[in-house]
C-alpha atoms as a PDB file:
ATOM      1  CA  MET A   1     150.392 109.137  84.587  1.00  0.00           C
ATOM      2  CA  SER A   2     153.734 110.648  85.385  1.00  0.00           C
ATOM      3  CA  ARG A   3     156.470 107.276  85.877  1.00  0.00           C
ATOM      4  CA  VAL A   4     159.489 106.830  87.229  1.00  0.00           C
ATOM      5  CA  LEU A   5     161.741 106.513  84.609  1.00  0.00           C
ATOM      6  CA  LEU A   6     164.709 103.930  84.904  1.00  0.00           C
ATOM      7  CA  ILE A   7     166.742 103.729  82.356  1.00  0.00           C
ATOM      8  CA  ASP A   8     169.240 100.637  81.045  1.00  0.00           C
ATOM      9  CA  TYR A   9     172.261 103.272  79.915  1.00  0.00           C
ATOM     10  CA  SER A  10     174.553 100.581  78.883  1.00  0.00           C
ATOM     11  CA  SER A  11     172.349  98.693  76.389  1.00  0.00           C
ATOM     12  CA  LEU A  12     170.999 101.866  74.911  1.00  0.00           C
ATOM     13  CA  LEU A  13     174.204 103.144  74.383  1.00  0.00           C
ATOM     14  CA  TYR A  14     175.491 100.015  72.664  1.00  0.00           C
ATOM     15  CA  ARG A  15     172.079 100.203  70.518  1.00  0.00           C
ATOM     16  CA  ALA A  16     173.153 103.865  69.701  1.00  0.00           C
ATOM     17  CA  PHE A  17     176.434 103.338  68.633  1.00  0.00           C
ATOM     18  CA  HIS A  18     175.525 100.599  66.564  1.00  0.00           C
ATOM     19  CA  SER A  19     172.356 102.502  64.915  1.00  0.00           C
ATOM     20  CA  LEU A  20     174.063 105.992  63.818  1.00  0.00           C
ATOM     21  CA  PRO A  21     176.456 106.449  61.246  1.00  0.00           C
ATOM     22  CA  ASP A  22     180.376 106.565  61.890  1.00  0.00           C
ATOM     23  CA  SER A  23     180.890 110.281  60.731  1.00  0.00           C
ATOM     24  CA  VAL A  24     178.685 111.009  64.010  1.00  0.00           C
ATOM     25  CA  ALA A  25     181.364 112.127  66.276  1.00  0.00           C
ATOM     26  CA  MET A  26     180.483 110.161  69.899  1.00  0.00           C
ATOM     27  CA  ARG A  27     177.584 108.618  67.998  1.00  0.00           C
ATOM     28  CA  GLY A  28     176.604 106.285  71.176  1.00  0.00           C
ATOM     29  CA  VAL A  29     176.405 109.428  73.455  1.00  0.00           C
ATOM     30  CA  TYR A  30     175.030 111.412  70.908  1.00  0.00           C
ATOM     31  CA  GLY A  31     172.066 108.700  70.255  1.00  0.00           C
ATOM     32  CA  PHE A  32     171.569 108.320  73.922  1.00  0.00           C
ATOM     33  CA  LEU A  33     171.495 112.140  74.965  1.00  0.00           C
ATOM     34  CA  ASN A  34     168.696 112.651  72.114  1.00  0.00           C
ATOM     35  CA  MET A  35     167.030 110.073  73.179  1.00  0.00           C
ATOM     36  CA  LEU A  36     166.684 111.079  76.728  1.00  0.00           C
ATOM     37  CA  ALA A  37     165.679 114.477  75.814  1.00  0.00           C
ATOM     38  CA  ARG A  38     162.673 112.835  74.160  1.00  0.00           C
ATOM     39  CA  LEU A  39     161.964 111.063  76.986  1.00  0.00           C
ATOM     40  CA  LEU A  40     161.982 113.971  79.496  1.00  0.00           C
ATOM     41  CA  THR A  41     159.590 115.685  77.063  1.00  0.00           C
ATOM     42  CA  ASP A  42     157.368 112.717  76.140  1.00  0.00           C
ATOM     43  CA  HIS A  43     156.964 111.095  79.637  1.00  0.00           C
ATOM     44  CA  ARG A  44     157.588 114.042  81.990  1.00  0.00           C
ATOM     45  CA  PRO A  45     158.697 111.431  84.810  1.00  0.00           C
ATOM     46  CA  SER A  46     158.354 111.879  88.339  1.00  0.00           C
ATOM     47  CA  GLY A  47     161.916 110.571  89.128  1.00  0.00           C
ATOM     48  CA  LEU A  48     164.552 109.268  87.161  1.00  0.00           C
ATOM     49  CA  ALA A  49     167.721 106.701  87.377  1.00  0.00           C
ATOM     50  CA  ILE A  50     170.502 106.293  84.856  1.00  0.00           C
ATOM     51  CA  ALA A  51     171.536 102.715  85.837  1.00  0.00           C
ATOM     52  CA  VAL A  52     175.046 101.708  84.289  1.00  0.00           C
ATOM     53  CA  ASP A  53     177.095  98.202  83.978  1.00  0.00           C
ATOM     54  CA  ASP A  54     179.540  98.480  86.392  1.00  0.00           C
ATOM     55  CA  ASP A  55     180.556  94.589  85.382  1.00  0.00           C
ATOM     56  CA  TRP A  56     178.657  93.408  82.306  1.00  0.00           C
ATOM     57  CA  ARG A  57     179.375  90.080  82.650  1.00  0.00           C
ATOM     58  CA  PRO A  58     179.486  89.456  86.352  1.00  0.00           C
ATOM     59  CA  ALA A  59     181.400  86.446  87.552  1.00  0.00           C
ATOM     60  CA  PHE A  60     178.472  84.869  89.380  1.00  0.00           C
ATOM     61  CA  ARG A  61     176.928  84.637  86.349  1.00  0.00           C
ATOM     62  CA  VAL A  62     179.701  83.609  83.897  1.00  0.00           C
ATOM     63  CA  GLU A  63     180.514  80.689  86.789  1.00  0.00           C
ATOM     64  CA  ALA A  64     177.049  79.515  86.127  1.00  0.00           C
ATOM     65  CA  LEU A  65     176.461  79.655  82.693  1.00  0.00           C
ATOM     66  CA  PRO A  66     179.474  80.578  80.648  1.00  0.00           C
ATOM     67  CA  SER A  67     177.357  81.437  77.231  1.00  0.00           C
ATOM     68  CA  TYR A  68     175.862  84.121  79.220  1.00  0.00           C
ATOM     69  CA  LYS A  69     176.277  87.315  76.823  1.00  0.00           C
ATOM     70  CA  THR A  70     179.089  85.710  74.906  1.00  0.00           C
ATOM     71  CA  HIS A  71     178.548  88.024  72.152  1.00  0.00           C
ATOM     72  CA  ARG A  72     179.981  91.259  73.766  1.00  0.00           C
ATOM     73  CA  VAL A  73     182.996  89.256  74.429  1.00  0.00           C
ATOM     74  CA  ALA A  74     186.230  90.529  72.257  1.00  0.00           C
ATOM     75  CA  THR A  75     187.589  87.304  70.302  1.00  0.00           C
ATOM     76  CA  ASP A  76     190.867  89.279  70.342  1.00  0.00           C
ATOM     77  CA  GLU A  77     192.351  90.029  73.325  1.00  0.00           C
ATOM     78  CA  ASP A  78     194.157  92.904  71.949  1.00  0.00           C
ATOM     79  CA  GLU A  79     191.083  94.446  70.438  1.00  0.00           C
ATOM     80  CA  GLU A  80     189.765  97.765  71.544  1.00  0.00           C
ATOM     81  CA  ASP A  81     186.362  98.068  72.985  1.00  0.00           C
ATOM     82  CA  PRO A  82     185.286 100.993  70.762  1.00  0.00           C
ATOM     83  CA  ILE A  83     182.049 101.792  72.907  1.00  0.00           C
ATOM     84  CA  ALA A  84     184.078 101.924  76.287  1.00  0.00           C
ATOM     85  CA  PRO A  85     185.534 105.331  75.895  1.00  0.00           C
ATOM     86  CA  GLN A  86     181.868 106.306  74.982  1.00  0.00           C
ATOM     87  CA  GLU A  87     180.585 105.064  77.776  1.00  0.00           C
ATOM     88  CA  ALA A  88     182.907 106.873  80.021  1.00  0.00           C
ATOM     89  CA  VAL A  89     182.253 110.359  78.577  1.00  0.00           C
ATOM     90  CA  GLY A  90     178.713 109.657  78.247  1.00  0.00           C
ATOM     91  CA  ARG A  91     178.653 109.168  82.199  1.00  0.00           C
ATOM     92  CA  GLU A  92     180.904 112.112  82.796  1.00  0.00           C
ATOM     93  CA  VAL A  93     178.102 114.277  80.767  1.00  0.00           C
ATOM     94  CA  LEU A  94     175.137 112.916  82.589  1.00  0.00           C
ATOM     95  CA  ARG A  95     176.391 113.835  85.931  1.00  0.00           C
ATOM     96  CA  ALA A  96     177.329 117.452  84.760  1.00  0.00           C
ATOM     97  CA  LEU A  97     173.649 117.653  83.862  1.00  0.00           C
ATOM     98  CA  GLY A  98     172.660 116.506  87.650  1.00  0.00           C
ATOM     99  CA  PHE A  99     171.461 112.980  86.513  1.00  0.00           C
ATOM    100  CA  SER A 100     171.703 110.250  89.074  1.00  0.00           C
ATOM    101  CA  VAL A 101     173.967 107.563  87.181  1.00  0.00           C
ATOM    102  CA  ILE A 102     173.831 104.555  88.888  1.00  0.00           C
ATOM    103  CA  GLY A 103     176.191 101.185  89.071  1.00  0.00           C
ATOM    104  CA  ALA A 104     177.028  98.489  91.400  1.00  0.00           C
ATOM    105  CA  GLU A 105     180.483  96.565  91.786  1.00  0.00           C
ATOM    106  CA  GLY A 106     179.890  92.900  90.290  1.00  0.00           C
ATOM    107  CA  PHE A 107     176.350  93.753  88.674  1.00  0.00           C
ATOM    108  CA  GLU A 108     175.096  94.797  85.648  1.00  0.00           C
ATOM    109  CA  ALA A 109     172.235  97.713  84.593  1.00  0.00           C
ATOM    110  CA  GLU A 110     169.640  95.732  84.512  1.00  0.00           C
ATOM    111  CA  ASP A 111     170.240  93.860  88.377  1.00  0.00           C
ATOM    112  CA  VAL A 112     170.234  97.635  89.426  1.00  0.00           C
ATOM    113  CA  ILE A 113     166.874  98.386  87.632  1.00  0.00           C
ATOM    114  CA  ALA A 114     165.418  95.387  89.130  1.00  0.00           C
ATOM    115  CA  THR A 115     166.485  96.169  92.675  1.00  0.00           C
ATOM    116  CA  LEU A 116     165.051 100.125  91.959  1.00  0.00           C
ATOM    117  CA  GLU A 117     161.930  98.708  90.416  1.00  0.00           C
ATOM    118  CA  ALA A 118     161.266  96.376  93.650  1.00  0.00           C
ATOM    119  CA  ARG A 119     161.521  99.335  95.932  1.00  0.00           C
ATOM    120  CA  ALA A 120     159.310 101.634  93.703  1.00  0.00           C
ATOM    121  CA  THR A 121     156.096 102.565  95.237  1.00  0.00           C
ATOM    122  CA  ALA A 122     154.968 104.825  92.026  1.00  0.00           C
ATOM    123  CA  PRO A 123     154.262 103.416  88.537  1.00  0.00           C
ATOM    124  CA  VAL A 124     157.577 102.735  86.678  1.00  0.00           C
ATOM    125  CA  ALA A 125     158.464 102.455  82.919  1.00  0.00           C
ATOM    126  CA  ILE A 126     161.843 100.423  82.448  1.00  0.00           C
ATOM    127  CA  VAL A 127     163.941 101.969  79.109  1.00  0.00           C
ATOM    128  CA  SER A 128     166.213  99.250  77.960  1.00  0.00           C
ATOM    129  CA  GLY A 129     167.427  97.379  74.630  1.00  0.00           C
ATOM    130  CA  ASP A 130     167.705  94.186  76.421  1.00  0.00           C
ATOM    131  CA  ARG A 131     165.043  91.992  76.471  1.00  0.00           C
ATOM    132  CA  ASP A 132     165.579  89.975  79.619  1.00  0.00           C
ATOM    133  CA  LEU A 133     164.030  92.942  81.451  1.00  0.00           C
ATOM    134  CA  PHE A 134     160.834  91.966  80.129  1.00  0.00           C
ATOM    135  CA  ALA A 135     160.545  89.612  82.806  1.00  0.00           C
ATOM    136  CA  LEU A 136     159.942  92.766  85.482  1.00  0.00           C
ATOM    137  CA  VAL A 137     156.625  93.717  83.453  1.00  0.00           C
ATOM    138  CA  ARG A 138     154.163  94.155  85.969  1.00  0.00           C
ATOM    139  CA  ASP A 139     151.217  95.670  84.570  1.00  0.00           C
ATOM    140  CA  PRO A 140     149.743  98.284  85.417  1.00  0.00           C
ATOM    141  CA  ASP A 141     152.486  99.120  87.584  1.00  0.00           C
ATOM    142  CA  VAL A 142     155.534  98.163  85.149  1.00  0.00           C
ATOM    143  CA  HIS A 143     156.230  98.349  81.524  1.00  0.00           C
ATOM    144  CA  VAL A 144     159.252  98.404  79.309  1.00  0.00           C
ATOM    145  CA  LEU A 145     159.891 100.771  76.863  1.00  0.00           C
ATOM    146  CA  TYR A 146     161.725  98.840  74.295  1.00  0.00           C
ATOM    147  CA  PRO A 147     163.476 100.389  70.964  1.00  0.00           C
ATOM    148  CA  GLN A 148     162.089  98.533  68.038  1.00  0.00           C
ATOM    149  CA  THR A 149     164.794 100.550  65.703  1.00  0.00           C
ATOM    150  CA  GLY A 150     168.010 101.761  67.137  1.00  0.00           C
ATOM    151  CA  VAL A 151     167.052 104.161  69.555  1.00  0.00           C
ATOM    152  CA  SER A 152     164.884 106.312  66.984  1.00  0.00           C
ATOM    153  CA  LYS A 153     161.466 103.933  67.964  1.00  0.00           C
ATOM    154  CA  LEU A 154     160.210 102.745  70.931  1.00  0.00           C
ATOM    155  CA  VAL A 155     157.479 100.407  71.610  1.00  0.00           C
ATOM    156  CA  VAL A 156     155.630  99.852  75.059  1.00  0.00           C
ATOM    157  CA  VAL A 157     155.817  96.348  76.301  1.00  0.00           C
ATOM    158  CA  ASP A 158     153.478  95.522  78.793  1.00  0.00           C
ATOM    159  CA  GLU A 159     151.554  92.212  80.106  1.00  0.00           C
ATOM    160  CA  ALA A 160     149.265  92.914  77.231  1.00  0.00           C
ATOM    161  CA  GLU A 161     151.937  93.228  74.679  1.00  0.00           C
ATOM    162  CA  VAL A 162     153.807  90.143  75.748  1.00  0.00           C
ATOM    163  CA  THR A 163     151.003  88.036  75.450  1.00  0.00           C
ATOM    164  CA  ARG A 164     149.772  89.215  72.107  1.00  0.00           C
ATOM    165  CA  ARG A 165     153.641  88.854  70.962  1.00  0.00           C
ATOM    166  CA  TYR A 166     154.595  85.513  72.586  1.00  0.00           C
ATOM    167  CA  GLY A 167     150.787  84.022  73.794  1.00  0.00           C
ATOM    168  CA  ILE A 168     152.275  83.711  77.271  1.00  0.00           C
ATOM    169  CA  PRO A 169     150.944  85.554  80.754  1.00  0.00           C
ATOM    170  CA  GLY A 170     152.867  88.984  80.780  1.00  0.00           C
ATOM    171  CA  ARG A 171     154.829  88.077  83.825  1.00  0.00           C
ATOM    172  CA  ALA A 172     155.943  84.750  82.364  1.00  0.00           C
ATOM    173  CA  TYR A 173     158.405  86.051  80.026  1.00  0.00           C
ATOM    174  CA  GLY A 174     161.717  85.003  81.870  1.00  0.00           C
ATOM    175  CA  ASP A 175     160.656  81.377  82.411  1.00  0.00           C
ATOM    176  CA  PHE A 176     159.654  81.372  78.613  1.00  0.00           C
ATOM    177  CA  ALA A 177     163.151  83.057  77.960  1.00  0.00           C
ATOM    178  CA  LEU A 178     164.792  80.345  79.749  1.00  0.00           C
ATOM    179  CA  LEU A 179     163.121  77.453  77.972  1.00  0.00           C
ATOM    180  CA  ARG A 180     163.533  78.831  74.421  1.00  0.00           C
ATOM    181  CA  GLY A 181     166.903  80.477  74.652  1.00  0.00           C
ATOM    182  CA  ASP A 182     167.761  84.186  73.990  1.00  0.00           C
ATOM    183  CA  PRO A 183     170.778  84.533  71.422  1.00  0.00           C
ATOM    184  CA  SER A 184     171.145  88.321  72.358  1.00  0.00           C
ATOM    185  CA  ASP A 185     171.820  87.340  76.169  1.00  0.00           C
ATOM    186  CA  GLY A 186     173.727  84.125  75.493  1.00  0.00           C
ATOM    187  CA  LEU A 187     171.161  81.783  76.349  1.00  0.00           C
ATOM    188  CA  PRO A 188     171.102  78.394  74.592  1.00  0.00           C
ATOM    189  CA  GLY A 189     167.541  77.304  75.869  1.00  0.00           C
ATOM    190  CA  VAL A 190     166.602  73.559  76.228  1.00  0.00           C
ATOM    191  CA  LYS A 191     168.139  71.660  73.362  1.00  0.00           C
ATOM    192  CA  GLY A 192     164.766  70.316  71.224  1.00  0.00           C
ATOM    193  CA  ILE A 193     162.345  73.143  72.994  1.00  0.00           C
ATOM    194  CA  GLY A 194     161.600  76.285  70.457  1.00  0.00           C
ATOM    195  CA  GLU A 195     159.559  79.286  70.739  1.00  0.00           C
ATOM    196  CA  LYS A 196     156.122  77.472  69.852  1.00  0.00           C
ATOM    197  CA  THR A 197     156.757  74.606  72.284  1.00  0.00           C
ATOM    198  CA  ALA A 198     157.982  77.008  74.935  1.00  0.00           C
ATOM    199  CA  ALA A 199     155.272  79.213  74.758  1.00  0.00           C
ATOM    200  CA  ILE A 200     152.345  76.243  74.662  1.00  0.00           C
ATOM    201  CA  LEU A 201     154.252  75.230  78.060  1.00  0.00           C
ATOM    202  CA  VAL A 202     154.497  78.399  79.679  1.00  0.00           C
ATOM    203  CA  ALA A 203     150.835  79.422  78.930  1.00  0.00           C
ATOM    204  CA  THR A 204     149.709  75.645  79.858  1.00  0.00           C
ATOM    205  CA  TYR A 205     151.520  75.293  83.175  1.00  0.00           C
ATOM    206  CA  GLY A 206     151.890  79.320  84.116  1.00  0.00           C
ATOM    207  CA  SER A 207     155.518  79.174  84.873  1.00  0.00           C
ATOM    208  CA  LEU A 208     158.607  77.065  84.893  1.00  0.00           C
ATOM    209  CA  GLU A 209     157.927  75.365  88.102  1.00  0.00           C
ATOM    210  CA  GLY A 210     154.721  74.341  86.634  1.00  0.00           C
ATOM    211  CA  VAL A 211     156.337  73.284  83.679  1.00  0.00           C
ATOM    212  CA  LEU A 212     158.869  71.190  85.327  1.00  0.00           C
ATOM    213  CA  GLY A 213     156.373  69.427  87.742  1.00  0.00           C
ATOM    214  CA  ALA A 214     154.040  68.648  85.145  1.00  0.00           C
ATOM    215  CA  ARG A 215     153.150  64.886  85.076  1.00  0.00           C
ATOM    216  CA  ASP A 216     150.931  64.661  81.404  1.00  0.00           C
ATOM    217  CA  LEU A 217     154.235  65.954  79.043  1.00  0.00           C
ATOM    218  CA  ALA A 218     154.732  64.416  76.010  1.00  0.00           C
ATOM    219  CA  PRO A 219     157.617  61.586  76.336  1.00  0.00           C
ATOM    220  CA  ALA A 220     159.467  63.258  74.085  1.00  0.00           C
ATOM    221  CA  VAL A 221     159.352  66.971  75.631  1.00  0.00           C
ATOM    222  CA  ALA A 222     159.594  65.222  79.131  1.00  0.00           C
ATOM    223  CA  ARG A 223     163.141  64.024  78.074  1.00  0.00           C
ATOM    224  CA  ARG A 224     164.158  67.149  77.026  1.00  0.00           C
ATOM    225  CA  LEU A 225     163.296  68.995  80.084  1.00  0.00           C
ATOM    226  CA  ASP A 226     164.799  66.327  81.884  1.00  0.00           C
ATOM    227  CA  ALA A 227     168.155  66.801  79.672  1.00  0.00           C
ATOM    228  CA  GLY A 228     168.120  70.256  80.171  1.00  0.00           C
ATOM    229  CA  ARG A 229     167.528  70.463  84.381  1.00  0.00           C
ATOM    230  CA  ASP A 230     170.918  71.454  85.063  1.00  0.00           C
ATOM    231  CA  TYR A 231     170.823  74.296  82.670  1.00  0.00           C
ATOM    232  CA  LEU A 232     167.262  75.534  83.569  1.00  0.00           C
ATOM    233  CA  ALA A 233     168.587  75.484  87.180  1.00  0.00           C
ATOM    234  CA  ALA A 234     171.764  77.623  86.648  1.00  0.00           C
ATOM    235  CA  ALA A 235     170.252  79.817  84.212  1.00  0.00           C
ATOM    236  CA  ARG A 236     167.387  80.340  86.589  1.00  0.00           C
ATOM    237  CA  ARG A 237     169.610  81.211  89.484  1.00  0.00           C
ATOM    238  CA  VAL A 238     171.769  83.827  87.690  1.00  0.00           C
ATOM    239  CA  VAL A 239     170.613  85.382  84.134  1.00  0.00           C
ATOM    240  CA  LEU A 240     166.725  86.924  85.206  1.00  0.00           C
ATOM    241  CA  PRO A 241     167.618  90.417  86.873  1.00  0.00           C
ATOM    242  CA  VAL A 242     168.298  89.852  90.364  1.00  0.00           C
ATOM    243  CA  ARG A 243     166.691  92.239  93.056  1.00  0.00           C
ATOM    244  CA  THR A 244     169.465  92.365  95.870  1.00  0.00           C
ATOM    245  CA  VAL A 245     171.831  95.093  94.912  1.00  0.00           C
ATOM    246  CA  PRO A 246     173.267  97.409  97.553  1.00  0.00           C
ATOM    247  CA  LEU A 247     171.872 100.723  96.410  1.00  0.00           C
ATOM    248  CA  PRO A 248     171.610 104.104  98.343  1.00  0.00           C
ATOM    249  CA  ALA A 249     168.207 104.878  99.534  1.00  0.00           C
ATOM    250  CA  GLY A 250     168.097 108.157  97.574  1.00  0.00           C
ATOM    251  CA  ALA A 251     169.076 106.599  93.910  1.00  0.00           C
ATOM    252  CA  LEU A 252     166.672 108.993  91.605  1.00  0.00           C
ATOM    253  CA  THR A 253     167.483 112.286  90.207  1.00  0.00           C
ATOM    254  CA  SER A 254     166.438 115.262  91.482  1.00  0.00           C
ATOM    255  CA  PHE A 255     165.897 117.159  88.863  1.00  0.00           C
ATOM    256  CA  GLY A 256     166.701 120.547  90.733  1.00  0.00           C
ATOM    257  CA  VAL A 257     170.514 120.085  91.240  1.00  0.00           C
ATOM    258  CA  ARG A 258     172.530 122.626  89.239  1.00  0.00           C
ATOM    259  CA  TYR A 259     174.296 121.780  86.525  1.00  0.00           C
ATOM    260  CA  ASP A 260     178.081 121.664  86.384  1.00  0.00           C
ATOM    261  CA  THR A 261     178.644 124.269  83.921  1.00  0.00           C
ATOM    262  CA  ALA A 262     182.456 124.318  83.887  1.00  0.00           C
ATOM    263  CA  ALA A 263     182.342 120.298  83.138  1.00  0.00           C
ATOM    264  CA  LEU A 264     179.786 120.751  80.568  1.00  0.00           C
ATOM    265  CA  ASP A 265     181.345 123.306  78.426  1.00  0.00           C
ATOM    266  CA  ARG A 266     184.658 121.130  78.633  1.00  0.00           C
ATOM    267  CA  LEU A 267     183.087 117.750  77.801  1.00  0.00           C
ATOM    268  CA  THR A 268     180.740 119.572  74.856  1.00  0.00           C
ATOM    269  CA  ARG A 269     183.744 121.375  73.319  1.00  0.00           C
ATOM    270  CA  ALA A 270     185.972 118.032  73.258  1.00  0.00           C
ATOM    271  CA  HIS A 271     183.422 115.634  71.942  1.00  0.00           C
ATOM    272  CA  GLY A 272     180.837 117.827  69.922  1.00  0.00           C
ATOM    273  CA  LEU A 273     178.045 117.033  72.143  1.00  0.00           C
ATOM    274  CA  ALA A 274     176.758 120.681  72.153  1.00  0.00           C
ATOM    275  CA  SER A 275     173.861 120.114  70.237  1.00  0.00           C
ATOM    276  CA  PRO A 276     172.049 116.845  72.232  1.00  0.00           C
ATOM    277  CA  VAL A 277     173.331 118.578  75.449  1.00  0.00           C
ATOM    278  CA  GLU A 278     171.131 121.346  74.411  1.00  0.00           C
ATOM    279  CA  ARG A 279     168.205 119.402  73.827  1.00  0.00           C
ATOM    280  CA  VAL A 280     168.584 117.801  77.334  1.00  0.00           C
ATOM    281  CA  GLN A 281     168.754 120.859  78.695  1.00  0.00           C
ATOM    282  CA  GLN A 282     165.699 122.404  76.973  1.00  0.00           C
ATOM    283  CA  ALA A 283     163.886 119.056  77.827  1.00  0.00           C
ATOM    284  CA  LEU A 284     164.556 119.878  81.505  1.00  0.00           C
ATOM    285  CA  ALA A 285     163.753 123.382  81.272  1.00  0.00           C
ATOM    286  CA  HIS A 286     160.243 122.717  79.817  1.00  0.00           C
ATOM    287  CA  LEU A 287     159.708 120.727  82.792  1.00  0.00           C
ATOM    288  CA  GLY A 288     160.636 123.407  85.222  1.00  0.00           C
ATOM    289  CA  GLN A 289     163.115 121.030  86.682  1.00  0.00           C
ATOM    290  CA  HIS A 290     166.628 122.277  85.975  1.00  0.00           C
ATOM    291  CA  GLY A 291     169.492 124.125  87.748  1.00  0.00           C
ATOM    292  CA  ALA A 292     171.209 127.003  85.774  1.00  0.00           C
END
């Protein structure tokens, strides 16, 4: 079944940057473009959008939960972010190839994806290196293609996989992550509630509302949840992907858009990207969805 692909550019570029050797020029962009070519070839999408972080640490999240994604904050104010220049080049290349590259001021890529997913009328595959998007899984309509190793191997995360991996209903991953915490997103979790306890609570009561409203909890668990109520209220409001990003109506790529040949020539020569760009062009050509 052909699906719409919603791609989290920023998280996948981050993964590619850290999985390829330093000797590869523009290694983040290089790895991302190779993955994009494979996605086009293997999945033959009916539509595609590439979502970007216009603000990877939005104020509305930081104000509610200062720890959110602190792992991506430079510890030295003078330290230059080595990924930012590659991210900018990658956006130029993608637009020159005719892809829809979508961001929104004050929001992250996952918010853009959540908004597009909520609008979708066709089955969706989300491609992301961030686990918070597991919360959007709606089998059989939505699944996540998640990099297991770097960006070279993708695993399908659907309701069955979430249940197998964590022992919880597939659509309850977001509540589970808030309870147990997720260091990759700077989520501390409820103190004293680890993965096993969080999974049992969600599996037993079905949702975070069910857990917080339960009257038959063990006293120690009830005390921990009471102590964590302020955190849970704040995290729930702002950490899970929001679906209210103002986006244009026609956000998916129209594959028939013509290449900007002059821009592609300039970018590939300047940054050593001829090989992965050619792979993407070949994948589009095989789909019959390219412009000359």
